[in-house]
Amino acid sequence: MKLIFVHGSGECKELWHYQLKRFPEADAIDLPGHPRGEPCTSVYSYVEWLRGYIRGHNYSHAVLAGHSLGGAIVQLYALKYPQDLQGLIIISSGAKLRVSAMYLEMLGQAKNNPGVLKDYYNQSFKLVDPKVGDVLKKRCLETDPAVFLNDMLCCDKFDIMNRTHEIELPTLVICGSDDVMTPPKYSRYLASKIVGARELIIEGGTHMVLAEQPLAVNKAIEDFLKSL
């Protein structure tokens, strides 16, 4: 069994800092374009890239853990290639990921003024330990704002609400109670549609709950892996 962490829009593998400390045999990936290479232009394309990555590393019985956009990627992967997987961990995501026009406008501005993103990341990581948060901000800023915008557009087009019930893999769904980007109702929907799914809403957590409250997140992941 191989645990693989998939980050979200405009992010980087370092987002999983605390999870990699707890699960050192796991693999956290940088999606293409983050910052090297060309980004994929749809969740479907990211799925195909990820499958190539998994096959190229000869991983088997994978457990995919995805945050936000990464959560969309792992859901669609489970629908297309369930035979590759042993389980899913979906964090701060949903079956449909419409993006607020406010974020798209901000990222459009950031293409010409990258400094706009500094305030965004300062806000996003404000509840993360500063030593880790500073690394995350530095790494995320290495990704071109156009790639971040591309990711958000991929999210905006993502909608598998009419197929969520087809996911038949063991699934863990995690969300912070104060997540405004992918609120708890998104996670509750996933947990209600995926038969046997475990659900955890972490009080006080935001969209970056995995880095804000790693002890609770890691305990849930550990318990889930033991159940497989």
C-alpha atoms as a PDB file:
ATOM      1  CA  MET A   1       0.000   0.000   0.000  1.00  0.00           C
ATOM      2  CA  LYS A   2       1.359   3.414  -1.007  1.00  0.00           C
ATOM      3  CA  LEU A   3       0.021   6.668   0.421  1.00  0.00           C
ATOM      4  CA  ILE A   4       0.242   9.516  -2.107  1.00  0.00           C
ATOM      5  CA  PHE A   5      -0.501  13.156  -1.267  1.00  0.00           C
ATOM      6  CA  VAL A   6      -1.874  15.498  -3.971  1.00  0.00           C
ATOM      7  CA  HIS A   7      -1.910  19.244  -3.306  1.00  0.00           C
ATOM      8  CA  GLY A   8      -4.466  21.809  -4.406  1.00  0.00           C
ATOM      9  CA  SER A   9      -4.628  24.899  -6.612  1.00  0.00           C
ATOM     10  CA  GLY A  10      -1.426  26.930  -6.737  1.00  0.00           C
ATOM     11  CA  GLU A  11       0.049  24.842  -3.944  1.00  0.00           C
ATOM     12  CA  CYS A  12       3.088  22.567  -3.552  1.00  0.00           C
ATOM     13  CA  LYS A  13       4.021  19.244  -2.001  1.00  0.00           C
ATOM     14  CA  GLU A  14       5.339  21.026   1.098  1.00  0.00           C
ATOM     15  CA  LEU A  15       1.719  21.634   2.098  1.00  0.00           C
ATOM     16  CA  TRP A  16       1.856  18.063   3.438  1.00  0.00           C
ATOM     17  CA  HIS A  17       4.815  18.870   5.728  1.00  0.00           C
ATOM     18  CA  TYR A  18       3.189  17.482   8.852  1.00  0.00           C
ATOM     19  CA  GLN A  19       1.743  14.450   7.113  1.00  0.00           C
ATOM     20  CA  LEU A  20       5.130  13.505   5.645  1.00  0.00           C
ATOM     21  CA  LYS A  21       6.693  13.736   9.109  1.00  0.00           C
ATOM     22  CA  ARG A  22       4.072  11.321  10.421  1.00  0.00           C
ATOM     23  CA  PHE A  23       4.025   9.065   7.340  1.00  0.00           C
ATOM     24  CA  PRO A  24       7.616   9.182   6.028  1.00  0.00           C
ATOM     25  CA  GLU A  25       7.077   6.340   3.545  1.00  0.00           C
ATOM     26  CA  ALA A  26       4.390   8.356   1.755  1.00  0.00           C
ATOM     27  CA  ASP A  27       4.957  10.318  -1.444  1.00  0.00           C
ATOM     28  CA  ALA A  28       3.873  13.944  -1.856  1.00  0.00           C
ATOM     29  CA  ILE A  29       3.939  15.190  -5.427  1.00  0.00           C
ATOM     30  CA  ASP A  30       4.224  18.554  -7.133  1.00  0.00           C
ATOM     31  CA  LEU A  31       1.639  18.652  -9.898  1.00  0.00           C
ATOM     32  CA  PRO A  32       3.045  19.743 -13.291  1.00  0.00           C
ATOM     33  CA  GLY A  33       3.530  23.500 -13.495  1.00  0.00           C
ATOM     34  CA  HIS A  34       4.036  23.821  -9.718  1.00  0.00           C
ATOM     35  CA  PRO A  35       6.484  25.271 -10.534  1.00  0.00           C
ATOM     36  CA  ARG A  36       8.176  23.065 -13.156  1.00  0.00           C
ATOM     37  CA  GLY A  37       6.627  21.878 -16.405  1.00  0.00           C
ATOM     38  CA  GLU A  38       3.345  22.730 -18.036  1.00  0.00           C
ATOM     39  CA  PRO A  39       0.126  22.583 -15.989  1.00  0.00           C
ATOM     40  CA  CYS A  40      -2.748  20.382 -17.053  1.00  0.00           C
ATOM     41  CA  THR A  41      -5.842  22.231 -18.245  1.00  0.00           C
ATOM     42  CA  SER A  42      -8.536  20.079 -16.632  1.00  0.00           C
ATOM     43  CA  VAL A  43      -9.067  17.779 -13.691  1.00  0.00           C
ATOM     44  CA  TYR A  44      -9.314  14.961 -16.232  1.00  0.00           C
ATOM     45  CA  SER A  45      -5.850  15.779 -17.564  1.00  0.00           C
ATOM     46  CA  TYR A  46      -4.407  15.924 -14.051  1.00  0.00           C
ATOM     47  CA  VAL A  47      -5.854  12.449 -13.438  1.00  0.00           C
ATOM     48  CA  GLU A  48      -4.100  11.077 -16.511  1.00  0.00           C
ATOM     49  CA  TRP A  49      -0.836  12.714 -15.457  1.00  0.00           C
ATOM     50  CA  LEU A  50      -1.179  11.237 -11.969  1.00  0.00           C
ATOM     51  CA  ARG A  51      -1.861   7.767 -13.341  1.00  0.00           C
ATOM     52  CA  GLY A  52       1.283   8.006 -15.438  1.00  0.00           C
ATOM     53  CA  TYR A  53       3.215   9.065 -12.335  1.00  0.00           C
ATOM     54  CA  ILE A  54       1.870   6.157 -10.294  1.00  0.00           C
ATOM     55  CA  ARG A  55       2.614   3.643 -13.037  1.00  0.00           C
ATOM     56  CA  GLY A  56       6.049   5.129 -13.616  1.00  0.00           C
ATOM     57  CA  HIS A  57       6.909   4.554  -9.959  1.00  0.00           C
ATOM     58  CA  ASN A  58       5.385   1.049  -9.943  1.00  0.00           C
ATOM     59  CA  TYR A  59       3.127   1.940  -7.029  1.00  0.00           C
ATOM     60  CA  SER A  60       0.351  -0.522  -6.282  1.00  0.00           C
ATOM     61  CA  HIS A  61      -2.659  -0.483  -3.962  1.00  0.00           C
ATOM     62  CA  ALA A  62      -2.408   3.297  -3.737  1.00  0.00           C
ATOM     63  CA  VAL A  63      -4.259   5.379  -1.184  1.00  0.00           C
ATOM     64  CA  LEU A  64      -4.734   8.836  -2.681  1.00  0.00           C
ATOM     65  CA  ALA A  65      -5.039  11.836  -0.373  1.00  0.00           C
ATOM     66  CA  GLY A  66      -6.063  15.083  -2.063  1.00  0.00           C
ATOM     67  CA  HIS A  67      -6.538  18.636  -0.827  1.00  0.00           C
ATOM     68  CA  SER A  68      -9.013  20.951  -2.612  1.00  0.00           C
ATOM     69  CA  LEU A  69      -8.174  20.564  -6.345  1.00  0.00           C
ATOM     70  CA  GLY A  70      -6.234  17.488  -5.284  1.00  0.00           C
ATOM     71  CA  GLY A  71      -9.448  16.180  -3.753  1.00  0.00           C
ATOM     72  CA  ALA A  72     -11.188  16.595  -7.097  1.00  0.00           C
ATOM     73  CA  ILE A  73      -8.341  14.763  -8.815  1.00  0.00           C
ATOM     74  CA  VAL A  74      -8.464  11.782  -6.477  1.00  0.00           C
ATOM     75  CA  GLN A  75     -12.258  11.529  -6.737  1.00  0.00           C
ATOM     76  CA  LEU A  76     -12.166  11.418 -10.513  1.00  0.00           C
ATOM     77  CA  TYR A  77      -9.249   8.990 -10.394  1.00  0.00           C
ATOM     78  CA  ALA A  78     -11.394   6.693  -8.231  1.00  0.00           C
ATOM     79  CA  LEU A  79     -14.167   6.809 -10.817  1.00  0.00           C
ATOM     80  CA  LYS A  80     -11.878   6.141 -13.779  1.00  0.00           C
ATOM     81  CA  TYR A  81      -9.322   3.741 -12.351  1.00  0.00           C
ATOM     82  CA  PRO A  82     -10.654   2.200  -9.121  1.00  0.00           C
ATOM     83  CA  GLN A  83      -8.584  -0.935  -9.758  1.00  0.00           C
ATOM     84  CA  ASP A  84      -5.423   1.076  -9.003  1.00  0.00           C
ATOM     85  CA  LEU A  85      -6.561   2.158  -5.557  1.00  0.00           C
ATOM     86  CA  GLN A  86      -7.138   0.885  -2.065  1.00  0.00           C
ATOM     87  CA  GLY A  87      -8.689   4.014  -0.570  1.00  0.00           C
ATOM     88  CA  LEU A  88      -9.311   7.757  -0.759  1.00  0.00           C
ATOM     89  CA  ILE A  89      -8.692  10.648   1.622  1.00  0.00           C
ATOM     90  CA  ILE A  90     -10.490  13.835   0.571  1.00  0.00           C
ATOM     91  CA  ILE A  91      -9.569  17.018   2.468  1.00  0.00           C
ATOM     92  CA  SER A  92     -11.228  20.438   2.051  1.00  0.00           C
ATOM     93  CA  SER A  93     -12.844  19.535  -1.243  1.00  0.00           C
ATOM     94  CA  GLY A  94     -16.170  18.647  -2.825  1.00  0.00           C
ATOM     95  CA  ALA A  95     -17.992  16.920  -5.642  1.00  0.00           C
ATOM     96  CA  LYS A  96     -18.481  20.331  -7.250  1.00  0.00           C
ATOM     97  CA  LEU A  97     -16.007  23.180  -6.885  1.00  0.00           C
ATOM     98  CA  ARG A  98     -17.453  26.405  -8.195  1.00  0.00           C
ATOM     99  CA  VAL A  99     -14.969  29.225  -7.608  1.00  0.00           C
ATOM    100  CA  SER A 100     -16.015  32.669  -6.441  1.00  0.00           C
ATOM    101  CA  ALA A 101     -15.556  35.418  -9.051  1.00  0.00           C
ATOM    102  CA  MET A 102     -13.602  37.284  -6.373  1.00  0.00           C
ATOM    103  CA  TYR A 103     -10.803  34.705  -6.496  1.00  0.00           C
ATOM    104  CA  LEU A 104     -10.740  34.565 -10.281  1.00  0.00           C
ATOM    105  CA  GLU A 105     -10.508  38.363 -10.455  1.00  0.00           C
ATOM    106  CA  MET A 106      -7.700  38.424  -7.889  1.00  0.00           C
ATOM    107  CA  LEU A 107      -5.724  35.826  -9.820  1.00  0.00           C
ATOM    108  CA  GLY A 108      -6.293  37.691 -13.059  1.00  0.00           C
ATOM    109  CA  GLN A 109      -4.714  40.745 -11.424  1.00  0.00           C
ATOM    110  CA  ALA A 110      -1.888  38.638 -10.005  1.00  0.00           C
ATOM    111  CA  LYS A 111      -0.769  37.656 -13.499  1.00  0.00           C
ATOM    112  CA  ASN A 112       0.459  41.251 -13.895  1.00  0.00           C
ATOM    113  CA  ASN A 113       1.043  41.968 -10.210  1.00  0.00           C
ATOM    114  CA  PRO A 114       2.350  38.867  -8.400  1.00  0.00           C
ATOM    115  CA  GLY A 115       2.504  40.846  -5.155  1.00  0.00           C
ATOM    116  CA  VAL A 116      -1.270  40.431  -4.860  1.00  0.00           C
ATOM    117  CA  LEU A 117      -0.694  36.815  -3.895  1.00  0.00           C
ATOM    118  CA  LYS A 118       1.451  37.688  -0.880  1.00  0.00           C
ATOM    119  CA  ASP A 119      -1.588  38.998   0.958  1.00  0.00           C
ATOM    120  CA  TYR A 120      -3.602  35.971  -0.132  1.00  0.00           C
ATOM    121  CA  TYR A 121      -1.047  33.507   1.239  1.00  0.00           C
ATOM    122  CA  ASN A 122      -0.535  35.543   4.422  1.00  0.00           C
ATOM    123  CA  GLN A 123      -4.249  35.129   5.063  1.00  0.00           C
ATOM    124  CA  SER A 124      -4.371  31.488   3.967  1.00  0.00           C
ATOM    125  CA  PHE A 125      -1.574  30.376   6.278  1.00  0.00           C
ATOM    126  CA  LYS A 126      -2.219  32.703   9.228  1.00  0.00           C
ATOM    127  CA  LEU A 127      -3.164  29.794  11.534  1.00  0.00           C
ATOM    128  CA  VAL A 128      -0.166  27.669  10.522  1.00  0.00           C
ATOM    129  CA  ASP A 129       2.986  27.654  12.656  1.00  0.00           C
ATOM    130  CA  PRO A 130       5.040  30.568  11.227  1.00  0.00           C
ATOM    131  CA  LYS A 131       8.129  28.425  10.607  1.00  0.00           C
ATOM    132  CA  VAL A 132       6.130  26.121   8.361  1.00  0.00           C
ATOM    133  CA  GLY A 133       3.872  28.857   7.009  1.00  0.00           C
ATOM    134  CA  ASP A 134       6.837  30.900   5.781  1.00  0.00           C
ATOM    135  CA  VAL A 135       8.135  27.908   3.815  1.00  0.00           C
ATOM    136  CA  LEU A 136       4.713  27.302   2.317  1.00  0.00           C
ATOM    137  CA  LYS A 137       4.322  30.919   1.252  1.00  0.00           C
ATOM    138  CA  LYS A 138       7.776  30.973  -0.328  1.00  0.00           C
ATOM    139  CA  ARG A 139       7.174  27.752  -2.249  1.00  0.00           C
ATOM    140  CA  CYS A 140       3.672  28.666  -3.396  1.00  0.00           C
ATOM    141  CA  LEU A 141       4.932  31.993  -4.703  1.00  0.00           C
ATOM    142  CA  GLU A 142       7.351  30.112  -6.974  1.00  0.00           C
ATOM    143  CA  THR A 143       4.364  28.954  -9.033  1.00  0.00           C
ATOM    144  CA  ASP A 144       3.287  31.320 -11.798  1.00  0.00           C
ATOM    145  CA  PRO A 145       0.018  33.129 -10.937  1.00  0.00           C
ATOM    146  CA  ALA A 146      -1.268  32.036 -14.355  1.00  0.00           C
ATOM    147  CA  VAL A 147      -0.922  28.415 -13.199  1.00  0.00           C
ATOM    148  CA  PHE A 148      -2.864  29.183 -10.026  1.00  0.00           C
ATOM    149  CA  LEU A 149      -5.593  30.768 -12.148  1.00  0.00           C
ATOM    150  CA  ASN A 150      -5.576  27.760 -14.452  1.00  0.00           C
ATOM    151  CA  ASP A 151      -6.047  25.472 -11.443  1.00  0.00           C
ATOM    152  CA  MET A 152      -8.979  27.503 -10.184  1.00  0.00           C
ATOM    153  CA  LEU A 153     -10.604  27.348 -13.609  1.00  0.00           C
ATOM    154  CA  CYS A 154     -10.149  23.570 -13.540  1.00  0.00           C
ATOM    155  CA  CYS A 155     -11.943  23.545 -10.189  1.00  0.00           C
ATOM    156  CA  ASP A 156     -14.695  25.813 -11.476  1.00  0.00           C
ATOM    157  CA  LYS A 157     -15.505  23.322 -14.244  1.00  0.00           C
ATOM    158  CA  PHE A 158     -15.398  20.290 -11.957  1.00  0.00           C
ATOM    159  CA  ASP A 159     -18.756  18.712 -11.147  1.00  0.00           C
ATOM    160  CA  ILE A 160     -19.308  15.000 -10.476  1.00  0.00           C
ATOM    161  CA  MET A 161     -22.292  15.368  -8.162  1.00  0.00           C
ATOM    162  CA  ASN A 162     -24.307  12.995 -10.322  1.00  0.00           C
ATOM    163  CA  ARG A 163     -21.564  10.353 -10.078  1.00  0.00           C
ATOM    164  CA  THR A 164     -20.300  10.633  -6.507  1.00  0.00           C
ATOM    165  CA  HIS A 165     -22.375   7.640  -5.444  1.00  0.00           C
ATOM    166  CA  GLU A 166     -20.420   5.496  -7.905  1.00  0.00           C
ATOM    167  CA  ILE A 167     -17.254   5.751  -5.796  1.00  0.00           C
ATOM    168  CA  GLU A 168     -17.029   2.402  -4.022  1.00  0.00           C
ATOM    169  CA  LEU A 169     -13.639   2.683  -2.335  1.00  0.00           C
ATOM    170  CA  PRO A 170     -13.078   3.134   1.409  1.00  0.00           C
ATOM    171  CA  THR A 171     -13.070   6.899   1.872  1.00  0.00           C
ATOM    172  CA  LEU A 172     -12.153   9.406   4.579  1.00  0.00           C
ATOM    173  CA  VAL A 173     -13.521  12.948   4.242  1.00  0.00           C
ATOM    174  CA  ILE A 174     -11.995  15.778   6.325  1.00  0.00           C
ATOM    175  CA  CYS A 175     -12.898  19.470   6.510  1.00  0.00           C
ATOM    176  CA  GLY A 176     -12.414  22.402   8.855  1.00  0.00           C
ATOM    177  CA  SER A 177     -15.530  23.862  10.443  1.00  0.00           C
ATOM    178  CA  ASP A 178     -14.501  27.373   9.348  1.00  0.00           C
ATOM    179  CA  ASP A 179     -13.592  26.531   5.749  1.00  0.00           C
ATOM    180  CA  VAL A 180     -15.253  29.158   3.540  1.00  0.00           C
ATOM    181  CA  MET A 181     -13.791  27.978   0.226  1.00  0.00           C
ATOM    182  CA  THR A 182     -15.096  24.412   0.495  1.00  0.00           C
ATOM    183  CA  PRO A 183     -17.483  24.575   3.474  1.00  0.00           C
ATOM    184  CA  PRO A 184     -18.416  21.560   5.603  1.00  0.00           C
ATOM    185  CA  LYS A 185     -21.608  20.989   3.634  1.00  0.00           C
ATOM    186  CA  TYR A 186     -19.415  19.913   0.706  1.00  0.00           C
ATOM    187  CA  SER A 187     -17.771  17.238   2.842  1.00  0.00           C
ATOM    188  CA  ARG A 188     -21.070  16.135   4.317  1.00  0.00           C
ATOM    189  CA  TYR A 189     -22.409  15.655   0.801  1.00  0.00           C
ATOM    190  CA  LEU A 190     -19.442  13.458  -0.109  1.00  0.00           C
ATOM    191  CA  ALA A 191     -19.797  11.409   3.055  1.00  0.00           C
ATOM    192  CA  SER A 192     -23.521  10.955   2.459  1.00  0.00           C
ATOM    193  CA  LYS A 193     -23.089   9.757  -1.134  1.00  0.00           C
ATOM    194  CA  ILE A 194     -20.040   7.495  -0.802  1.00  0.00           C
ATOM    195  CA  VAL A 195     -21.166   4.320   0.916  1.00  0.00           C
ATOM    196  CA  GLY A 196     -19.289   3.702   4.165  1.00  0.00           C
ATOM    197  CA  ALA A 197     -17.325   6.973   4.035  1.00  0.00           C
ATOM    198  CA  ARG A 198     -15.886   8.327   7.284  1.00  0.00           C
ATOM    199  CA  GLU A 199     -16.398  12.022   7.955  1.00  0.00           C
ATOM    200  CA  LEU A 200     -14.433  14.348  10.218  1.00  0.00           C
ATOM    201  CA  ILE A 201     -15.206  18.056  10.670  1.00  0.00           C
ATOM    202  CA  ILE A 202     -12.402  19.672  12.688  1.00  0.00           C
ATOM    203  CA  GLU A 203     -13.553  22.542  14.862  1.00  0.00           C
ATOM    204  CA  GLY A 204     -11.798  25.829  14.085  1.00  0.00           C
ATOM    205  CA  GLY A 205     -10.069  24.544  10.990  1.00  0.00           C
ATOM    206  CA  THR A 206     -10.056  26.518   7.743  1.00  0.00           C
ATOM    207  CA  HIS A 207      -9.283  25.477   4.177  1.00  0.00           C
ATOM    208  CA  MET A 208      -5.705  24.693   5.277  1.00  0.00           C
ATOM    209  CA  VAL A 209      -6.778  22.467   8.174  1.00  0.00           C
ATOM    210  CA  LEU A 210      -4.179  19.814   7.323  1.00  0.00           C
ATOM    211  CA  ALA A 211      -1.396  22.274   8.192  1.00  0.00           C
ATOM    212  CA  GLU A 212      -3.273  24.079  10.976  1.00  0.00           C
ATOM    213  CA  GLN A 213      -4.358  21.073  13.020  1.00  0.00           C
ATOM    214  CA  PRO A 214      -2.023  18.274  11.914  1.00  0.00           C
ATOM    215  CA  LEU A 215      -2.437  16.135  15.024  1.00  0.00           C
ATOM    216  CA  ALA A 216      -6.164  15.684  14.428  1.00  0.00           C
ATOM    217  CA  VAL A 217      -5.716  15.193  10.683  1.00  0.00           C
ATOM    218  CA  ASN A 218      -2.865  12.718  11.090  1.00  0.00           C
ATOM    219  CA  LYS A 219      -4.752  10.709  13.726  1.00  0.00           C
ATOM    220  CA  ALA A 220      -7.720  10.397  11.356  1.00  0.00           C
ATOM    221  CA  ILE A 221      -5.451   9.313   8.494  1.00  0.00           C
ATOM    222  CA  GLU A 222      -3.660   6.794  10.712  1.00  0.00           C
ATOM    223  CA  ASP A 223      -6.924   5.248  11.914  1.00  0.00           C
ATOM    224  CA  PHE A 224      -8.218   5.109   8.353  1.00  0.00           C
ATOM    225  CA  LEU A 225      -5.096   3.368   7.027  1.00  0.00           C
ATOM    226  CA  LYS A 226      -5.285   0.814   9.832  1.00  0.00           C
ATOM    227  CA  SER A 227      -8.842   0.001   8.757  1.00  0.00           C
ATOM    228  CA  LEU A 228      -7.849  -0.900   5.205  1.00  0.00           C
END
